[in-house]
Amino acid sequence: MIEYPKIETLLNRDEKTFKVILGEWRLPEFAYLKDLPWLFTEKVDGTNIRVIWDGQTVRFEGKTDKAKIPKPLLVALKALFPLEKFQSLYPETPMCIYGEGYGPGIQSGGKYRPNVGFVAFDVRIGELWLQWNDVADVLNHLGVDRVPLIEIGTLERAIELVSSGFKSTWGDFPAEGLVVRPMVDLLTRRHE
């Protein structure tokens, strides 16, 4: 299964300070779509994980095929995604579930909970990325948590939230950030 595509930042950054430049959109598509509704989910500070079900076996990969998965996280993933679960729920539907492994020793993921865990943010079946509600349906069937939905709003609202800061839905600490996706999945001219 493919690696999760890079998520582009909304605004250009100053080359020296690396701070975003308000009003200077990174892509013309963002400027064009800025007033339409987008889904905002909480960014989780962890390690990118792919759960790959090929119809026969379940395997776990990091962001790349060469990435190393911490042993406690691998143990947690095997418990959360036993082969029998996929065989009974999706016997003929190979898929890739994308998410974040988090917990003590994984980035600053220990703030989310005292033990290692996994939260999903996307699902791909064949060449098709599932829509947000379909992602929720698959994850609900599998008994897997989905990244928290913060709100639906414009890109200007997303910038406002991140600029002012907001509390995590996981506890009494600042959120890592937002991931925004259009209500209707779209591709740029470069198929990104």
C-alpha atoms as a PDB file:
ATOM      1  CA  MET A   1       0.000   0.000   0.000  1.00  0.00           C
ATOM      2  CA  ILE A   2       1.118   3.513  -0.686  1.00  0.00           C
ATOM      3  CA  GLU A   3       2.601   5.897   1.819  1.00  0.00           C
ATOM      4  CA  TYR A   4       0.280   8.622   3.060  1.00  0.00           C
ATOM      5  CA  PRO A   5       0.641  11.705   0.867  1.00  0.00           C
ATOM      6  CA  LYS A   6       2.310  14.800   2.274  1.00  0.00           C
ATOM      7  CA  ILE A   7      -0.197  17.208   3.767  1.00  0.00           C
ATOM      8  CA  GLU A   8       0.537  20.649   2.416  1.00  0.00           C
ATOM      9  CA  THR A   9       0.524  23.620   4.776  1.00  0.00           C
ATOM     10  CA  LEU A  10      -2.047  26.329   4.000  1.00  0.00           C
ATOM     11  CA  LEU A  11       0.295  29.327   3.994  1.00  0.00           C
ATOM     12  CA  ASN A  12       3.797  30.076   2.765  1.00  0.00           C
ATOM     13  CA  ARG A  13       6.508  30.376   5.401  1.00  0.00           C
ATOM     14  CA  ASP A  14       9.219  32.989   5.769  1.00  0.00           C
ATOM     15  CA  GLU A  15      12.468  31.295   4.681  1.00  0.00           C
ATOM     16  CA  LYS A  16      14.454  32.774   7.582  1.00  0.00           C
ATOM     17  CA  THR A  17      12.020  32.574  10.507  1.00  0.00           C
ATOM     18  CA  PHE A  18       9.909  29.659   9.226  1.00  0.00           C
ATOM     19  CA  LYS A  19       6.822  31.535  10.466  1.00  0.00           C
ATOM     20  CA  VAL A  20       3.730  31.489   8.268  1.00  0.00           C
ATOM     21  CA  ILE A  21       2.943  34.558   6.200  1.00  0.00           C
ATOM     22  CA  LEU A  22      -0.710  35.456   6.782  1.00  0.00           C
ATOM     23  CA  GLY A  23      -2.611  35.998   3.545  1.00  0.00           C
ATOM     24  CA  GLU A  24       0.007  34.275   1.380  1.00  0.00           C
ATOM     25  CA  TRP A  25      -1.605  30.970   0.369  1.00  0.00           C
ATOM     26  CA  ARG A  26       0.758  28.067  -0.340  1.00  0.00           C
ATOM     27  CA  LEU A  27      -1.290  26.850  -3.324  1.00  0.00           C
ATOM     28  CA  PRO A  28      -3.714  28.730  -5.566  1.00  0.00           C
ATOM     29  CA  GLU A  29      -6.263  25.987  -4.837  1.00  0.00           C
ATOM     30  CA  PHE A  30      -6.333  27.043  -1.169  1.00  0.00           C
ATOM     31  CA  ALA A  31      -7.030  30.657  -2.081  1.00  0.00           C
ATOM     32  CA  TYR A  32      -9.816  29.547  -4.413  1.00  0.00           C
ATOM     33  CA  LEU A  33     -11.408  27.217  -1.819  1.00  0.00           C
ATOM     34  CA  LYS A  34     -10.796  29.321   1.308  1.00  0.00           C
ATOM     35  CA  ASP A  35     -14.448  30.302   1.865  1.00  0.00           C
ATOM     36  CA  LEU A  36     -15.886  26.794   1.509  1.00  0.00           C
ATOM     37  CA  PRO A  37     -16.456  24.423   4.449  1.00  0.00           C
ATOM     38  CA  TRP A  38     -13.586  22.135   5.495  1.00  0.00           C
ATOM     39  CA  LEU A  39     -13.368  19.402   8.155  1.00  0.00           C
ATOM     40  CA  PHE A  40     -10.960  20.199  10.994  1.00  0.00           C
ATOM     41  CA  THR A  41      -9.487  17.296  12.941  1.00  0.00           C
ATOM     42  CA  GLU A  42      -7.019  17.437  15.788  1.00  0.00           C
ATOM     43  CA  LYS A  43      -3.420  16.730  14.814  1.00  0.00           C
ATOM     44  CA  VAL A  44      -1.973  13.994  17.019  1.00  0.00           C
ATOM     45  CA  ASP A  45       1.708  14.095  17.950  1.00  0.00           C
ATOM     46  CA  GLY A  46       2.800  10.531  17.345  1.00  0.00           C
ATOM     47  CA  THR A  47       4.288   8.326  14.670  1.00  0.00           C
ATOM     48  CA  ASN A  48       2.604   7.684  11.330  1.00  0.00           C
ATOM     49  CA  ILE A  49       1.344   4.087  11.008  1.00  0.00           C
ATOM     50  CA  ARG A  50      -0.194   2.106   8.159  1.00  0.00           C
ATOM     51  CA  VAL A  51      -2.297  -0.965   8.938  1.00  0.00           C
ATOM     52  CA  ILE A  52      -2.394  -3.044   5.775  1.00  0.00           C
ATOM     53  CA  TRP A  53      -4.945  -5.820   5.237  1.00  0.00           C
ATOM     54  CA  ASP A  54      -4.289  -7.585   1.921  1.00  0.00           C
ATOM     55  CA  GLY A  55      -7.122 -10.119   2.211  1.00  0.00           C
ATOM     56  CA  GLN A  56      -4.794 -12.755   3.684  1.00  0.00           C
ATOM     57  CA  THR A  57      -2.540 -11.081   6.237  1.00  0.00           C
ATOM     58  CA  VAL A  58      -2.334  -7.974   8.383  1.00  0.00           C
ATOM     59  CA  ARG A  59       0.923  -6.057   8.511  1.00  0.00           C
ATOM     60  CA  PHE A  60       2.036  -2.839  10.113  1.00  0.00           C
ATOM     61  CA  GLU A  61       4.275  -0.250   8.494  1.00  0.00           C
ATOM     62  CA  GLY A  62       5.434   3.208   9.455  1.00  0.00           C
ATOM     63  CA  LYS A  63       5.232   6.273   7.252  1.00  0.00           C
ATOM     64  CA  THR A  64       7.702   4.550   4.911  1.00  0.00           C
ATOM     65  CA  ASP A  65       8.414   0.863   4.401  1.00  0.00           C
ATOM     66  CA  LYS A  66      11.795   1.348   6.127  1.00  0.00           C
ATOM     67  CA  ALA A  67      10.441   3.079   9.247  1.00  0.00           C
ATOM     68  CA  LYS A  68      10.870   1.254  12.559  1.00  0.00           C
ATOM     69  CA  ILE A  69       7.825   0.793  14.786  1.00  0.00           C
ATOM     70  CA  PRO A  70       8.514   0.861  18.548  1.00  0.00           C
ATOM     71  CA  LYS A  71       7.975  -2.583  20.077  1.00  0.00           C
ATOM     72  CA  PRO A  72       5.270  -1.504  22.588  1.00  0.00           C
ATOM     73  CA  LEU A  73       3.324   0.090  19.735  1.00  0.00           C
ATOM     74  CA  LEU A  74       3.652  -3.033  17.592  1.00  0.00           C
ATOM     75  CA  VAL A  75       2.257  -5.125  20.481  1.00  0.00           C
ATOM     76  CA  ALA A  76      -0.681  -2.704  20.823  1.00  0.00           C
ATOM     77  CA  LEU A  77      -1.355  -2.766  17.064  1.00  0.00           C
ATOM     78  CA  LYS A  78      -1.397  -6.571  16.973  1.00  0.00           C
ATOM     79  CA  ALA A  79      -3.920  -6.603  19.822  1.00  0.00           C
ATOM     80  CA  LEU A  80      -6.119  -3.961  18.156  1.00  0.00           C
ATOM     81  CA  PHE A  81      -5.991  -5.512  14.666  1.00  0.00           C
ATOM     82  CA  PRO A  82      -6.032  -9.318  14.951  1.00  0.00           C
ATOM     83  CA  LEU A  83      -6.246 -11.232  11.687  1.00  0.00           C
ATOM     84  CA  GLU A  84      -9.604 -12.720  12.728  1.00  0.00           C
ATOM     85  CA  LYS A  85     -11.188  -9.282  12.930  1.00  0.00           C
ATOM     86  CA  PHE A  86     -10.450  -8.521   9.273  1.00  0.00           C
ATOM     87  CA  GLN A  87     -11.346 -12.067   8.199  1.00  0.00           C
ATOM     88  CA  SER A  88     -14.791 -11.771   9.771  1.00  0.00           C
ATOM     89  CA  LEU A  89     -15.595  -8.137   8.937  1.00  0.00           C
ATOM     90  CA  TYR A  90     -13.834  -7.506   5.599  1.00  0.00           C
ATOM     91  CA  PRO A  91     -12.836 -10.900   4.192  1.00  0.00           C
ATOM     92  CA  GLU A  92     -12.696  -9.725   0.575  1.00  0.00           C
ATOM     93  CA  THR A  93     -11.877  -6.044   1.016  1.00  0.00           C
ATOM     94  CA  PRO A  94      -8.149  -5.322   1.178  1.00  0.00           C
ATOM     95  CA  MET A  95      -7.510  -1.905   2.690  1.00  0.00           C
ATOM     96  CA  CYS A  96      -4.971   0.380   4.279  1.00  0.00           C
ATOM     97  CA  ILE A  97      -5.807   2.237   7.479  1.00  0.00           C
ATOM     98  CA  TYR A  98      -3.691   5.322   8.133  1.00  0.00           C
ATOM     99  CA  GLY A  99      -3.224   6.727  11.598  1.00  0.00           C
ATOM    100  CA  GLU A 100      -0.940   7.766  14.430  1.00  0.00           C
ATOM    101  CA  GLY A 101       0.636   5.579  17.038  1.00  0.00           C
ATOM    102  CA  TYR A 102       1.030   7.527  20.259  1.00  0.00           C
ATOM    103  CA  GLY A 103       1.832   7.134  23.926  1.00  0.00           C
ATOM    104  CA  PRO A 104       4.803   7.272  26.269  1.00  0.00           C
ATOM    105  CA  GLY A 105       8.098   7.451  24.375  1.00  0.00           C
ATOM    106  CA  ILE A 106       6.499   8.339  21.025  1.00  0.00           C
ATOM    107  CA  GLN A 107       7.095  12.047  20.282  1.00  0.00           C
ATOM    108  CA  SER A 108       5.150  13.843  23.033  1.00  0.00           C
ATOM    109  CA  GLY A 109       2.364  11.264  22.723  1.00  0.00           C
ATOM    110  CA  GLY A 110       2.489  10.346  26.420  1.00  0.00           C
ATOM    111  CA  LYS A 111       0.265  13.341  27.112  1.00  0.00           C
ATOM    112  CA  TYR A 112      -2.673  11.667  25.342  1.00  0.00           C
ATOM    113  CA  ARG A 113      -2.875   8.628  27.601  1.00  0.00           C
ATOM    114  CA  PRO A 114      -0.623   6.633  29.924  1.00  0.00           C
ATOM    115  CA  ASN A 115      -0.208   3.674  27.569  1.00  0.00           C
ATOM    116  CA  VAL A 116       0.526   3.178  23.875  1.00  0.00           C
ATOM    117  CA  GLY A 117      -2.380   3.457  21.439  1.00  0.00           C
ATOM    118  CA  PHE A 118      -3.482   4.102  17.877  1.00  0.00           C
ATOM    119  CA  VAL A 119      -5.915   6.577  16.340  1.00  0.00           C
ATOM    120  CA  ALA A 120      -6.859   6.478  12.639  1.00  0.00           C
ATOM    121  CA  PHE A 121      -7.395   9.374  10.269  1.00  0.00           C
ATOM    122  CA  ASP A 122      -7.964   7.824   6.827  1.00  0.00           C
ATOM    123  CA  VAL A 123      -8.763   4.609   4.962  1.00  0.00           C
ATOM    124  CA  ARG A 124      -7.911   3.644   1.406  1.00  0.00           C
ATOM    125  CA  ILE A 125      -9.524   0.719  -0.425  1.00  0.00           C
ATOM    126  CA  GLY A 126      -7.853   0.001  -3.750  1.00  0.00           C
ATOM    127  CA  GLU A 127      -7.338   3.353  -5.479  1.00  0.00           C
ATOM    128  CA  LEU A 128     -10.192   4.973  -3.538  1.00  0.00           C
ATOM    129  CA  TRP A 129      -9.725   7.214  -0.503  1.00  0.00           C
ATOM    130  CA  LEU A 130     -12.866   6.879   1.600  1.00  0.00           C
ATOM    131  CA  GLN A 131     -14.972   9.902   2.471  1.00  0.00           C
ATOM    132  CA  TRP A 132     -14.998  11.032   6.118  1.00  0.00           C
ATOM    133  CA  ASN A 133     -18.291   9.291   6.998  1.00  0.00           C
ATOM    134  CA  ASP A 134     -17.166   6.075   5.305  1.00  0.00           C
ATOM    135  CA  VAL A 135     -13.875   6.202   7.220  1.00  0.00           C
ATOM    136  CA  ALA A 136     -15.945   6.454  10.417  1.00  0.00           C
ATOM    137  CA  ASP A 137     -18.065   3.463   9.366  1.00  0.00           C
ATOM    138  CA  VAL A 138     -15.051   1.202   8.726  1.00  0.00           C
ATOM    139  CA  LEU A 139     -13.367   2.268  11.964  1.00  0.00           C
ATOM    140  CA  ASN A 140     -16.560   1.770  13.983  1.00  0.00           C
ATOM    141  CA  HIS A 141     -16.892  -1.768  12.639  1.00  0.00           C
ATOM    142  CA  LEU A 142     -13.270  -2.474  13.555  1.00  0.00           C
ATOM    143  CA  GLY A 143     -13.589  -0.831  16.983  1.00  0.00           C
ATOM    144  CA  VAL A 144     -10.828   1.683  16.219  1.00  0.00           C
ATOM    145  CA  ASP A 145     -10.699   5.307  17.375  1.00  0.00           C
ATOM    146  CA  ARG A 146     -10.766   8.104  14.808  1.00  0.00           C
ATOM    147  CA  VAL A 147      -8.982  11.433  15.206  1.00  0.00           C
ATOM    148  CA  PRO A 148     -11.242  13.941  16.954  1.00  0.00           C
ATOM    149  CA  LEU A 149     -13.355  16.189  14.741  1.00  0.00           C
ATOM    150  CA  ILE A 150     -12.912  19.752  15.994  1.00  0.00           C
ATOM    151  CA  GLU A 151     -15.378  21.562  13.745  1.00  0.00           C
ATOM    152  CA  ILE A 152     -16.368  22.359  10.186  1.00  0.00           C
ATOM    153  CA  GLY A 153     -15.304  25.792   8.989  1.00  0.00           C
ATOM    154  CA  THR A 154     -13.469  27.892   6.439  1.00  0.00           C
ATOM    155  CA  LEU A 155      -9.709  27.995   5.993  1.00  0.00           C
ATOM    156  CA  GLU A 156      -9.706  31.460   7.582  1.00  0.00           C
ATOM    157  CA  ARG A 157     -11.359  29.901  10.664  1.00  0.00           C
ATOM    158  CA  ALA A 158      -8.693  27.173  10.738  1.00  0.00           C
ATOM    159  CA  ILE A 159      -5.963  29.822  10.694  1.00  0.00           C
ATOM    160  CA  GLU A 160      -7.743  31.694  13.490  1.00  0.00           C
ATOM    161  CA  LEU A 161      -7.971  28.546  15.651  1.00  0.00           C
ATOM    162  CA  VAL A 162      -4.315  27.652  15.186  1.00  0.00           C
ATOM    163  CA  SER A 163      -3.146  31.248  15.665  1.00  0.00           C
ATOM    164  CA  SER A 164      -5.004  31.679  18.944  1.00  0.00           C
ATOM    165  CA  GLY A 165      -4.361  28.118  20.103  1.00  0.00           C
ATOM    166  CA  PHE A 166      -6.964  25.704  21.393  1.00  0.00           C
ATOM    167  CA  LYS A 167      -7.153  22.917  23.950  1.00  0.00           C
ATOM    168  CA  SER A 168      -6.798  19.319  22.950  1.00  0.00           C
ATOM    169  CA  THR A 169      -9.905  17.152  23.088  1.00  0.00           C
ATOM    170  CA  TRP A 170      -7.657  14.589  24.816  1.00  0.00           C
ATOM    171  CA  GLY A 171      -6.980  16.612  27.958  1.00  0.00           C
ATOM    172  CA  ASP A 172      -6.067  19.899  29.580  1.00  0.00           C
ATOM    173  CA  PHE A 173      -3.159  20.858  27.311  1.00  0.00           C
ATOM    174  CA  PRO A 174      -2.749  22.760  24.033  1.00  0.00           C
ATOM    175  CA  ALA A 175      -3.600  20.829  20.874  1.00  0.00           C
ATOM    176  CA  GLU A 176      -0.721  19.940  18.557  1.00  0.00           C
ATOM    177  CA  GLY A 177      -2.580  21.559  15.658  1.00  0.00           C
ATOM    178  CA  LEU A 178      -5.220  20.990  13.005  1.00  0.00           C
ATOM    179  CA  VAL A 179      -5.452  18.860   9.910  1.00  0.00           C
ATOM    180  CA  VAL A 180      -8.010  20.233   7.471  1.00  0.00           C
ATOM    181  CA  ARG A 181      -9.584  18.421   4.573  1.00  0.00           C
ATOM    182  CA  PRO A 182     -12.215  19.613   2.115  1.00  0.00           C
ATOM    183  CA  MET A 183     -15.760  18.332   2.582  1.00  0.00           C
ATOM    184  CA  VAL A 184     -15.422  16.833  -0.906  1.00  0.00           C
ATOM    185  CA  ASP A 185     -12.049  15.235  -1.582  1.00  0.00           C
ATOM    186  CA  LEU A 186     -10.184  17.033  -4.346  1.00  0.00           C
ATOM    187  CA  LEU A 187      -6.898  16.737  -6.224  1.00  0.00           C
ATOM    188  CA  THR A 188      -4.640  19.465  -7.553  1.00  0.00           C
ATOM    189  CA  ARG A 189      -3.524  19.512 -11.190  1.00  0.00           C
ATOM    190  CA  ARG A 190      -0.534  17.417 -10.057  1.00  0.00           C
ATOM    191  CA  HIS A 191      -2.890  14.806  -8.544  1.00  0.00           C
ATOM    192  CA  GLU A 192      -1.858  15.779  -4.994  1.00  0.00           C
END
